[in-house]
Amino acid sequence: MSTLTRDYEAILMVRSDLEEEALTKVQAQFAEVVTRHGGRVLQSQSLGRQKLAYRIGKFNEGIALQLRLQMDPSQLPAIEKGALLIEPLLRLIVIHGRDDGQSQ
């Protein structure tokens, strides 16, 4: 297993009918999946209710959660697969973060 780690940003779109306690539980479940595969959650926040581009199941909108992650790139498929087991999750998008040496 490689010791290389990279920064990532994950956007979780969850059901819009969840209460605050359930949102916290989803964040904790995703963080557990990440740490189980050797990654770390650096920061997490709720981006609030968002209108979806298209209907997913019976939902026209969802609640977006943003998490900054650090993990071995080889573990990304396992983390994405593990996230599928989180029931209120509608969509997951993981993008490669910026390199530390860059500035805007």
PDB file of N, CA and C in Angstrom:
ATOM      1  N   MET A   1       0.842  -1.179   0.000  1.00  0.00           N
ATOM      2  CA  MET A   1       0.000   0.000   0.000  1.00  0.00           C
ATOM      3  C   MET A   1       0.887   1.242   0.000  1.00  0.00           C
ATOM      4  N   SER A   2       0.521   2.202  -0.812  1.00  0.00           N
ATOM      5  CA  SER A   2       1.292   3.430  -0.943  1.00  0.00           C
ATOM      6  C   SER A   2       1.102   4.337   0.270  1.00  0.00           C
ATOM      7  N   THR A   3       2.156   5.108   0.585  1.00  0.00           N
ATOM      8  CA  THR A   3       2.045   6.071   1.686  1.00  0.00           C
ATOM      9  C   THR A   3       1.724   7.464   1.165  1.00  0.00           C
ATOM     10  N   LEU A   4       1.541   7.603  -0.140  1.00  0.00           N
ATOM     11  CA  LEU A   4       1.198   8.872  -0.754  1.00  0.00           C
ATOM     12  C   LEU A   4      -0.209   9.290  -0.318  1.00  0.00           C
ATOM     13  N   THR A   5      -0.356  10.519   0.110  1.00  0.00           N
ATOM     14  CA  THR A   5      -1.696  11.020   0.409  1.00  0.00           C
ATOM     15  C   THR A   5      -1.941  12.275  -0.408  1.00  0.00           C
ATOM     16  N   ARG A   6      -3.183  12.487  -0.744  1.00  0.00           N
ATOM     17  CA  ARG A   6      -3.597  13.663  -1.502  1.00  0.00           C
ATOM     18  C   ARG A   6      -4.823  14.257  -0.839  1.00  0.00           C
ATOM     19  N   ASP A   7      -5.026  15.533  -1.108  1.00  0.00           N
ATOM     20  CA  ASP A   7      -6.210  16.217  -0.609  1.00  0.00           C
ATOM     21  C   ASP A   7      -7.349  16.056  -1.612  1.00  0.00           C
ATOM     22  N   TYR A   8      -8.541  15.850  -1.066  1.00  0.00           N
ATOM     23  CA  TYR A   8      -9.741  15.698  -1.876  1.00  0.00           C
ATOM     24  C   TYR A   8     -10.858  16.526  -1.247  1.00  0.00           C
ATOM     25  N   GLU A   9     -11.854  16.818  -2.054  1.00  0.00           N
ATOM     26  CA  GLU A   9     -13.069  17.450  -1.555  1.00  0.00           C
ATOM     27  C   GLU A   9     -14.223  16.549  -1.958  1.00  0.00           C
ATOM     28  N   ALA A  10     -15.060  16.229  -0.993  1.00  0.00           N
ATOM     29  CA  ALA A  10     -16.218  15.377  -1.253  1.00  0.00           C
ATOM     30  C   ALA A  10     -17.485  16.200  -1.025  1.00  0.00           C
ATOM     31  N   ILE A  11     -18.412  16.083  -1.945  1.00  0.00           N
ATOM     32  CA  ILE A  11     -19.738  16.683  -1.783  1.00  0.00           C
ATOM     33  C   ILE A  11     -20.725  15.532  -1.688  1.00  0.00           C
ATOM     34  N   LEU A  12     -21.405  15.461  -0.562  1.00  0.00           N
ATOM     35  CA  LEU A  12     -22.438  14.453  -0.355  1.00  0.00           C
ATOM     36  C   LEU A  12     -23.776  15.141  -0.485  1.00  0.00           C
ATOM     37  N   MET A  13     -24.626  14.642  -1.348  1.00  0.00           N
ATOM     38  CA  MET A  13     -25.983  15.158  -1.469  1.00  0.00           C
ATOM     39  C   MET A  13     -26.884  14.149  -0.786  1.00  0.00           C
ATOM     40  N   VAL A  14     -27.555  14.593   0.278  1.00  0.00           N
ATOM     41  CA  VAL A  14     -28.398  13.689   1.054  1.00  0.00           C
ATOM     42  C   VAL A  14     -29.852  14.133   0.959  1.00  0.00           C
ATOM     43  N   ARG A  15     -30.733  13.259   1.371  1.00  0.00           N
ATOM     44  CA  ARG A  15     -32.169  13.541   1.305  1.00  0.00           C
ATOM     45  C   ARG A  15     -32.513  14.847   2.009  1.00  0.00           C
ATOM     46  N   SER A  16     -33.418  15.603   1.422  1.00  0.00           N
ATOM     47  CA  SER A  16     -33.792  16.913   1.957  1.00  0.00           C
ATOM     48  C   SER A  16     -34.708  16.833   3.174  1.00  0.00           C
ATOM     49  N   ASP A  17     -35.223  15.654   3.494  1.00  0.00           N
ATOM     50  CA  ASP A  17     -36.139  15.523   4.630  1.00  0.00           C
ATOM     51  C   ASP A  17     -35.435  15.155   5.934  1.00  0.00           C
ATOM     52  N   LEU A  18     -34.099  15.196   5.959  1.00  0.00           N
ATOM     53  CA  LEU A  18     -33.362  14.816   7.163  1.00  0.00           C
ATOM     54  C   LEU A  18     -33.306  15.946   8.185  1.00  0.00           C
ATOM     55  N   GLU A  19     -33.375  15.572   9.441  1.00  0.00           N
ATOM     56  CA  GLU A  19     -33.194  16.515  10.545  1.00  0.00           C
ATOM     57  C   GLU A  19     -31.703  16.699  10.807  1.00  0.00           C
ATOM     58  N   GLU A  20     -31.349  17.688  11.603  1.00  0.00           N
ATOM     59  CA  GLU A  20     -29.950  18.005  11.915  1.00  0.00           C
ATOM     60  C   GLU A  20     -29.203  16.809  12.504  1.00  0.00           C
ATOM     61  N   GLU A  21     -29.854  16.077  13.384  1.00  0.00           N
ATOM     62  CA  GLU A  21     -29.230  14.902  14.015  1.00  0.00           C
ATOM     63  C   GLU A  21     -28.887  13.839  12.972  1.00  0.00           C
ATOM     64  N   ALA A  22     -29.778  13.625  12.013  1.00  0.00           N
ATOM     65  CA  ALA A  22     -29.534  12.643  10.957  1.00  0.00           C
ATOM     66  C   ALA A  22     -28.406  13.100  10.032  1.00  0.00           C
ATOM     67  N   LEU A  23     -28.297  14.407   9.784  1.00  0.00           N
ATOM     68  CA  LEU A  23     -27.194  14.933   8.972  1.00  0.00           C
ATOM     69  C   LEU A  23     -25.850  14.669   9.647  1.00  0.00           C
ATOM     70  N   THR A  24     -25.817  14.895  10.955  1.00  0.00           N
ATOM     71  CA  THR A  24     -24.599  14.639  11.721  1.00  0.00           C
ATOM     72  C   THR A  24     -24.230  13.165  11.649  1.00  0.00           C
ATOM     73  N   LYS A  25     -25.223  12.299  11.685  1.00  0.00           N
ATOM     74  CA  LYS A  25     -24.983  10.857  11.603  1.00  0.00           C
ATOM     75  C   LYS A  25     -24.415  10.476  10.238  1.00  0.00           C
ATOM     76  N   VAL A  26     -24.932  11.074   9.156  1.00  0.00           N
ATOM     77  CA  VAL A  26     -24.423  10.795   7.812  1.00  0.00           C
ATOM     78  C   VAL A  26     -22.959  11.226   7.707  1.00  0.00           C
ATOM     79  N   GLN A  27     -22.649  12.426   8.236  1.00  0.00           N
ATOM     80  CA  GLN A  27     -21.259  12.898   8.222  1.00  0.00           C
ATOM     81  C   GLN A  27     -20.351  11.927   8.982  1.00  0.00           C
ATOM     82  N   ALA A  28     -20.817  11.456  10.126  1.00  0.00           N
ATOM     83  CA  ALA A  28     -20.029  10.525  10.935  1.00  0.00           C
ATOM     84  C   ALA A  28     -19.843   9.192  10.219  1.00  0.00           C
ATOM     85  N   GLN A  29     -20.881   8.708   9.548  1.00  0.00           N
ATOM     86  CA  GLN A  29     -20.783   7.440   8.817  1.00  0.00           C
ATOM     87  C   GLN A  29     -19.783   7.558   7.675  1.00  0.00           C
ATOM     88  N   PHE A  30     -19.827   8.677   6.946  1.00  0.00           N
ATOM     89  CA  PHE A  30     -18.886   8.859   5.846  1.00  0.00           C
ATOM     90  C   PHE A  30     -17.460   8.997   6.378  1.00  0.00           C
ATOM     91  N   ALA A  31     -17.294   9.738   7.469  1.00  0.00           N
ATOM     92  CA  ALA A  31     -15.970   9.888   8.086  1.00  0.00           C
ATOM     93  C   ALA A  31     -15.429   8.534   8.532  1.00  0.00           C
ATOM     94  N   GLU A  32     -16.291   7.669   9.024  1.00  0.00           N
ATOM     95  CA  GLU A  32     -15.868   6.336   9.449  1.00  0.00           C
ATOM     96  C   GLU A  32     -15.393   5.512   8.258  1.00  0.00           C
ATOM     97  N   VAL A  33     -16.086   5.631   7.119  1.00  0.00           N
ATOM     98  CA  VAL A  33     -15.667   4.931   5.904  1.00  0.00           C
ATOM     99  C   VAL A  33     -14.284   5.421   5.481  1.00  0.00           C
ATOM    100  N   VAL A  34     -14.081   6.736   5.518  1.00  0.00           N
ATOM    101  CA  VAL A  34     -12.795   7.316   5.123  1.00  0.00           C
ATOM    102  C   VAL A  34     -11.678   6.831   6.047  1.00  0.00           C
ATOM    103  N   THR A  35     -11.889   6.899   7.358  1.00  0.00           N
ATOM    104  CA  THR A  35     -10.837   6.505   8.302  1.00  0.00           C
ATOM    105  C   THR A  35     -10.574   4.998   8.266  1.00  0.00           C
ATOM    106  N   ARG A  36     -11.592   4.210   7.990  1.00  0.00           N
ATOM    107  CA  ARG A  36     -11.413   2.759   7.881  1.00  0.00           C
ATOM    108  C   ARG A  36     -10.460   2.403   6.735  1.00  0.00           C
ATOM    109  N   HIS A  37     -10.411   3.272   5.737  1.00  0.00           N
ATOM    110  CA  HIS A  37      -9.537   3.049   4.584  1.00  0.00           C
ATOM    111  C   HIS A  37      -8.277   3.913   4.650  1.00  0.00           C
ATOM    112  N   GLY A  38      -7.925   4.360   5.849  1.00  0.00           N
ATOM    113  CA  GLY A  38      -6.660   5.056   6.054  1.00  0.00           C
ATOM    114  C   GLY A  38      -6.661   6.541   5.766  1.00  0.00           C
ATOM    115  N   GLY A  39      -7.817   7.130   5.521  1.00  0.00           N
ATOM    116  CA  GLY A  39      -7.897   8.561   5.231  1.00  0.00           C
ATOM    117  C   GLY A  39      -8.253   9.378   6.462  1.00  0.00           C
ATOM    118  N   ARG A  40      -8.274  10.689   6.290  1.00  0.00           N
ATOM    119  CA  ARG A  40      -8.648  11.604   7.374  1.00  0.00           C
ATOM    120  C   ARG A  40      -9.630  12.645   6.848  1.00  0.00           C
ATOM    121  N   VAL A  41     -10.591  13.017   7.676  1.00  0.00           N
ATOM    122  CA  VAL A  41     -11.477  14.131   7.359  1.00  0.00           C
ATOM    123  C   VAL A  41     -10.881  15.359   8.029  1.00  0.00           C
ATOM    124  N   LEU A  42     -10.535  16.359   7.222  1.00  0.00           N
ATOM    125  CA  LEU A  42      -9.901  17.560   7.732  1.00  0.00           C
ATOM    126  C   LEU A  42     -10.919  18.620   8.140  1.00  0.00           C
ATOM    127  N   GLN A  43     -12.032  18.672   7.437  1.00  0.00           N
ATOM    128  CA  GLN A  43     -13.043  19.702   7.695  1.00  0.00           C
ATOM    129  C   GLN A  43     -14.363  19.246   7.097  1.00  0.00           C
ATOM    130  N   SER A  44     -15.460  19.618   7.730  1.00  0.00           N
ATOM    131  CA  SER A  44     -16.772  19.316   7.162  1.00  0.00           C
ATOM    132  C   SER A  44     -17.729  20.450   7.475  1.00  0.00           C
ATOM    133  N   GLN A  45     -18.647  20.667   6.548  1.00  0.00           N
ATOM    134  CA  GLN A  45     -19.667  21.701   6.751  1.00  0.00           C
ATOM    135  C   GLN A  45     -20.883  21.392   5.895  1.00  0.00           C
ATOM    136  N   SER A  46     -22.006  21.918   6.317  1.00  0.00           N
ATOM    137  CA  SER A  46     -23.232  21.786   5.545  1.00  0.00           C
ATOM    138  C   SER A  46     -23.345  22.996   4.631  1.00  0.00           C
ATOM    139  N   LEU A  47     -23.662  22.756   3.372  1.00  0.00           N
ATOM    140  CA  LEU A  47     -23.878  23.840   2.415  1.00  0.00           C
ATOM    141  C   LEU A  47     -25.354  24.167   2.280  1.00  0.00           C
ATOM    142  N   GLY A  48     -26.174  23.466   3.040  1.00  0.00           N
ATOM    143  CA  GLY A  48     -27.606  23.753   3.059  1.00  0.00           C
ATOM    144  C   GLY A  48     -28.377  23.069   1.942  1.00  0.00           C
ATOM    145  N   ARG A  49     -29.615  23.466   1.849  1.00  0.00           N
ATOM    146  CA  ARG A  49     -30.542  22.884   0.884  1.00  0.00           C
ATOM    147  C   ARG A  49     -30.209  23.383  -0.524  1.00  0.00           C
ATOM    148  N   GLN A  50     -30.159  22.441  -1.479  1.00  0.00           N
ATOM    149  CA  GLN A  50     -29.823  22.758  -2.872  1.00  0.00           C
ATOM    150  C   GLN A  50     -30.848  22.122  -3.803  1.00  0.00           C
ATOM    151  N   LYS A  51     -31.233  22.864  -4.832  1.00  0.00           N
ATOM    152  CA  LYS A  51     -32.111  22.301  -5.857  1.00  0.00           C
ATOM    153  C   LYS A  51     -31.282  21.371  -6.729  1.00  0.00           C
ATOM    154  N   LEU A  52     -31.808  20.183  -6.994  1.00  0.00           N
ATOM    155  CA  LEU A  52     -31.113  19.204  -7.829  1.00  0.00           C
ATOM    156  C   LEU A  52     -31.352  19.508  -9.307  1.00  0.00           C
ATOM    157  N   ALA A  53     -30.398  19.205 -10.155  1.00  0.00           N
ATOM    158  CA  ALA A  53     -30.532  19.419 -11.598  1.00  0.00           C
ATOM    159  C   ALA A  53     -31.631  18.523 -12.184  1.00  0.00           C
ATOM    160  N   TYR A  54     -31.841  17.371 -11.552  1.00  0.00           N
ATOM    161  CA  TYR A  54     -32.872  16.442 -11.981  1.00  0.00           C
ATOM    162  C   TYR A  54     -33.333  15.651 -10.761  1.00  0.00           C
ATOM    163  N   ARG A  55     -34.501  15.097 -10.857  1.00  0.00           N
ATOM    164  CA  ARG A  55     -35.099  14.348  -9.760  1.00  0.00           C
ATOM    165  C   ARG A  55     -34.294  13.080  -9.484  1.00  0.00           C
ATOM    166  N   ILE A  56     -34.037  12.815  -8.203  1.00  0.00           N
ATOM    167  CA  ILE A  56     -33.404  11.575  -7.770  1.00  0.00           C
ATOM    168  C   ILE A  56     -34.401  10.891  -6.855  1.00  0.00           C
ATOM    169  N   GLY A  57     -34.949   9.788  -7.334  1.00  0.00           N
ATOM    170  CA  GLY A  57     -36.019   9.139  -6.574  1.00  0.00           C
ATOM    171  C   GLY A  57     -37.206  10.086  -6.498  1.00  0.00           C
ATOM    172  N   LYS A  58     -37.646  10.407  -5.291  1.00  0.00           N
ATOM    173  CA  LYS A  58     -38.760  11.340  -5.118  1.00  0.00           C
ATOM    174  C   LYS A  58     -38.289  12.747  -4.729  1.00  0.00           C
ATOM    175  N   PHE A  59     -36.985  12.998  -4.824  1.00  0.00           N
ATOM    176  CA  PHE A  59     -36.435  14.269  -4.346  1.00  0.00           C
ATOM    177  C   PHE A  59     -36.044  15.214  -5.484  1.00  0.00           C
ATOM    178  N   ASN A  60     -36.517  16.463  -5.375  1.00  0.00           N
ATOM    179  CA  ASN A  60     -36.143  17.539  -6.293  1.00  0.00           C
ATOM    180  C   ASN A  60     -35.032  18.403  -5.702  1.00  0.00           C
ATOM    181  N   GLU A  61     -34.813  18.257  -4.409  1.00  0.00           N
ATOM    182  CA  GLU A  61     -33.740  18.988  -3.743  1.00  0.00           C
ATOM    183  C   GLU A  61     -33.119  18.101  -2.675  1.00  0.00           C
ATOM    184  N   GLY A  62     -31.925  18.491  -2.269  1.00  0.00           N
ATOM    185  CA  GLY A  62     -31.213  17.735  -1.253  1.00  0.00           C
ATOM    186  C   GLY A  62     -30.420  18.683  -0.379  1.00  0.00           C
ATOM    187  N   ILE A  63     -29.752  18.129   0.598  1.00  0.00           N
ATOM    188  CA  ILE A  63     -28.883  18.910   1.477  1.00  0.00           C
ATOM    189  C   ILE A  63     -27.454  18.519   1.134  1.00  0.00           C
ATOM    190  N   ALA A  64     -26.637  19.529   0.826  1.00  0.00           N
ATOM    191  CA  ALA A  64     -25.254  19.287   0.432  1.00  0.00           C
ATOM    192  C   ALA A  64     -24.335  19.370   1.642  1.00  0.00           C
ATOM    193  N   LEU A  65     -23.466  18.392   1.775  1.00  0.00           N
ATOM    194  CA  LEU A  65     -22.449  18.372   2.815  1.00  0.00           C
ATOM    195  C   LEU A  65     -21.089  18.378   2.123  1.00  0.00           C
ATOM    196  N   GLN A  66     -20.212  19.270   2.558  1.00  0.00           N
ATOM    197  CA  GLN A  66     -18.878  19.380   1.974  1.00  0.00           C
ATOM    198  C   GLN A  66     -17.852  18.898   2.986  1.00  0.00           C
ATOM    199  N   LEU A  67     -16.970  17.995   2.559  1.00  0.00           N
ATOM    200  CA  LEU A  67     -15.924  17.480   3.436  1.00  0.00           C
ATOM    201  C   LEU A  67     -14.582  17.564   2.723  1.00  0.00           C
ATOM    202  N   ARG A  68     -13.571  18.058   3.417  1.00  0.00           N
ATOM    203  CA  ARG A  68     -12.196  18.039   2.927  1.00  0.00           C
ATOM    204  C   ARG A  68     -11.534  16.797   3.482  1.00  0.00           C
ATOM    205  N   LEU A  69     -10.918  16.018   2.598  1.00  0.00           N
ATOM    206  CA  LEU A  69     -10.335  14.731   2.972  1.00  0.00           C
ATOM    207  C   LEU A  69      -8.854  14.692   2.615  1.00  0.00           C
ATOM    208  N   GLN A  70      -8.152  13.808   3.286  1.00  0.00           N
ATOM    209  CA  GLN A  70      -6.778  13.491   2.936  1.00  0.00           C
ATOM    210  C   GLN A  70      -6.678  11.976   2.960  1.00  0.00           C
ATOM    211  N   MET A  71      -6.237  11.395   1.815  1.00  0.00           N
ATOM    212  CA  MET A  71      -6.198   9.938   1.735  1.00  0.00           C
ATOM    213  C   MET A  71      -5.270   9.486   0.624  1.00  0.00           C
ATOM    214  N   ASP A  72      -4.970   8.208   0.655  1.00  0.00           N
ATOM    215  CA  ASP A  72      -4.200   7.549  -0.391  1.00  0.00           C
ATOM    216  C   ASP A  72      -5.118   7.433  -1.615  1.00  0.00           C
ATOM    217  N   PRO A  73      -4.679   7.894  -2.784  1.00  0.00           N
ATOM    218  CA  PRO A  73      -5.526   7.818  -3.979  1.00  0.00           C
ATOM    219  C   PRO A  73      -5.998   6.407  -4.313  1.00  0.00           C
ATOM    220  N   SER A  74      -5.215   5.399  -3.966  1.00  0.00           N
ATOM    221  CA  SER A  74      -5.613   4.026  -4.280  1.00  0.00           C
ATOM    222  C   SER A  74      -6.840   3.580  -3.476  1.00  0.00           C
ATOM    223  N   GLN A  75      -7.167   4.294  -2.408  1.00  0.00           N
ATOM    224  CA  GLN A  75      -8.304   3.928  -1.563  1.00  0.00           C
ATOM    225  C   GLN A  75      -9.616   4.572  -2.001  1.00  0.00           C
ATOM    226  N   LEU A  76      -9.557   5.490  -2.972  1.00  0.00           N
ATOM    227  CA  LEU A  76     -10.763   6.195  -3.411  1.00  0.00           C
ATOM    228  C   LEU A  76     -11.883   5.262  -3.867  1.00  0.00           C
ATOM    229  N   PRO A  77     -11.623   4.261  -4.710  1.00  0.00           N
ATOM    230  CA  PRO A  77     -12.714   3.361  -5.102  1.00  0.00           C
ATOM    231  C   PRO A  77     -13.366   2.648  -3.918  1.00  0.00           C
ATOM    232  N   ALA A  78     -12.582   2.230  -2.940  1.00  0.00           N
ATOM    233  CA  ALA A  78     -13.132   1.551  -1.764  1.00  0.00           C
ATOM    234  C   ALA A  78     -13.985   2.506  -0.937  1.00  0.00           C
ATOM    235  N   ILE A  79     -13.564   3.752  -0.835  1.00  0.00           N
ATOM    236  CA  ILE A  79     -14.330   4.741  -0.076  1.00  0.00           C
ATOM    237  C   ILE A  79     -15.649   5.040  -0.787  1.00  0.00           C
ATOM    238  N   GLU A  80     -15.594   5.211  -2.107  1.00  0.00           N
ATOM    239  CA  GLU A  80     -16.825   5.462  -2.865  1.00  0.00           C
ATOM    240  C   GLU A  80     -17.790   4.284  -2.740  1.00  0.00           C
ATOM    241  N   LYS A  81     -17.257   3.070  -2.792  1.00  0.00           N
ATOM    242  CA  LYS A  81     -18.102   1.866  -2.654  1.00  0.00           C
ATOM    243  C   LYS A  81     -18.711   1.786  -1.252  1.00  0.00           C
ATOM    244  N   GLY A  82     -17.910   2.075  -0.223  1.00  0.00           N
ATOM    245  CA  GLY A  82     -18.419   2.069   1.146  1.00  0.00           C
ATOM    246  C   GLY A  82     -19.483   3.110   1.387  1.00  0.00           C
ATOM    247  N   ALA A  83     -19.368   4.253   0.708  1.00  0.00           N
ATOM    248  CA  ALA A  83     -20.356   5.323   0.878  1.00  0.00           C
ATOM    249  C   ALA A  83     -21.722   4.932   0.321  1.00  0.00           C
ATOM    250  N   LEU A  84     -21.753   4.013  -0.639  1.00  0.00           N
ATOM    251  CA  LEU A  84     -23.028   3.575  -1.209  1.00  0.00           C
ATOM    252  C   LEU A  84     -23.937   2.926  -0.171  1.00  0.00           C
ATOM    253  N   LEU A  85     -23.355   2.470   0.939  1.00  0.00           N
ATOM    254  CA  LEU A  85     -24.135   1.812   1.986  1.00  0.00           C
ATOM    255  C   LEU A  85     -24.805   2.803   2.937  1.00  0.00           C
ATOM    256  N   ILE A  86     -24.507   4.078   2.791  1.00  0.00           N
ATOM    257  CA  ILE A  86     -25.127   5.103   3.643  1.00  0.00           C
ATOM    258  C   ILE A  86     -26.491   5.432   3.031  1.00  0.00           C
ATOM    259  N   GLU A  87     -27.553   4.996   3.675  1.00  0.00           N
ATOM    260  CA  GLU A  87     -28.904   5.013   3.113  1.00  0.00           C
ATOM    261  C   GLU A  87     -29.401   6.395   2.667  1.00  0.00           C
ATOM    262  N   PRO A  88     -29.282   7.471   3.441  1.00  0.00           N
ATOM    263  CA  PRO A  88     -29.856   8.746   2.987  1.00  0.00           C
ATOM    264  C   PRO A  88     -29.032   9.464   1.908  1.00  0.00           C
ATOM    265  N   LEU A  89     -27.919   8.878   1.486  1.00  0.00           N
ATOM    266  CA  LEU A  89     -27.053   9.498   0.490  1.00  0.00           C
ATOM    267  C   LEU A  89     -27.674   9.360  -0.898  1.00  0.00           C
ATOM    268  N   LEU A  90     -27.862  10.513  -1.561  1.00  0.00           N
ATOM    269  CA  LEU A  90     -28.397  10.499  -2.922  1.00  0.00           C
ATOM    270  C   LEU A  90     -27.278  10.471  -3.954  1.00  0.00           C
ATOM    271  N   ARG A  91     -26.234  11.271  -3.744  1.00  0.00           N
ATOM    272  CA  ARG A  91     -25.099  11.363  -4.668  1.00  0.00           C
ATOM    273  C   ARG A  91     -23.824  11.665  -3.898  1.00  0.00           C
ATOM    274  N   LEU A  92     -22.706  11.230  -4.453  1.00  0.00           N
ATOM    275  CA  LEU A  92     -21.391  11.524  -3.899  1.00  0.00           C
ATOM    276  C   LEU A  92     -20.492  11.962  -5.043  1.00  0.00           C
ATOM    277  N   ILE A  93     -19.831  13.087  -4.868  1.00  0.00           N
ATOM    278  CA  ILE A  93     -18.848  13.569  -5.835  1.00  0.00           C
ATOM    279  C   ILE A  93     -17.557  13.798  -5.065  1.00  0.00           C
ATOM    280  N   VAL A  94     -16.463  13.198  -5.542  1.00  0.00           N
ATOM    281  CA  VAL A  94     -15.153  13.395  -4.924  1.00  0.00           C
ATOM    282  C   VAL A  94     -14.233  13.966  -5.992  1.00  0.00           C
ATOM    283  N   ILE A  95     -13.621  15.122  -5.689  1.00  0.00           N
ATOM    284  CA  ILE A  95     -12.691  15.740  -6.628  1.00  0.00           C
ATOM    285  C   ILE A  95     -11.333  15.901  -5.960  1.00  0.00           C
ATOM    286  N   HIS A  96     -10.306  15.880  -6.774  1.00  0.00           N
ATOM    287  CA  HIS A  96      -8.937  16.050  -6.284  1.00  0.00           C
ATOM    288  C   HIS A  96      -8.769  17.495  -5.846  1.00  0.00           C
ATOM    289  N   GLY A  97      -8.238  17.685  -4.649  1.00  0.00           N
ATOM    290  CA  GLY A  97      -7.997  19.028  -4.134  1.00  0.00           C
ATOM    291  C   GLY A  97      -6.784  19.662  -4.772  1.00  0.00           C
ATOM    292  N   ARG A  98      -6.576  20.922  -4.474  1.00  0.00           N
ATOM    293  CA  ARG A  98      -5.411  21.645  -4.984  1.00  0.00           C
ATOM    294  C   ARG A  98      -4.156  21.196  -4.263  1.00  0.00           C
ATOM    295  N   ASP A  99      -3.021  21.294  -4.944  1.00  0.00           N
ATOM    296  CA  ASP A  99      -1.738  21.022  -4.311  1.00  0.00           C
ATOM    297  C   ASP A  99      -1.413  22.141  -3.336  1.00  0.00           C
ATOM    298  N   ASP A 100      -0.703  21.811  -2.246  1.00  0.00           N
ATOM    299  CA  ASP A 100      -0.374  22.783  -1.202  1.00  0.00           C
ATOM    300  C   ASP A 100       0.430  23.961  -1.720  1.00  0.00           C
ATOM    301  N   GLY A 101       1.278  23.784  -2.715  1.00  0.00           N
ATOM    302  CA  GLY A 101       2.157  24.826  -3.187  1.00  0.00           C
ATOM    303  C   GLY A 101       1.479  25.883  -4.048  1.00  0.00           C
ATOM    304  N   GLN A 102       0.235  25.688  -4.398  1.00  0.00           N
ATOM    305  CA  GLN A 102      -0.445  26.628  -5.272  1.00  0.00           C
ATOM    306  C   GLN A 102      -1.168  27.698  -4.480  1.00  0.00           C
ATOM    307  N   SER A 103      -1.291  28.861  -5.080  1.00  0.00           N
ATOM    308  CA  SER A 103      -2.076  29.932  -4.472  1.00  0.00           C
ATOM    309  C   SER A 103      -2.941  30.584  -5.532  1.00  0.00           C
ATOM    310  N   GLN A 104      -3.991  31.231  -5.097  1.00  0.00           N
ATOM    311  CA  GLN A 104      -4.895  31.884  -6.053  1.00  0.00           C
ATOM    312  C   GLN A 104      -4.588  33.339  -6.177  1.00  0.00           C
TER     313      GLN A 104
END
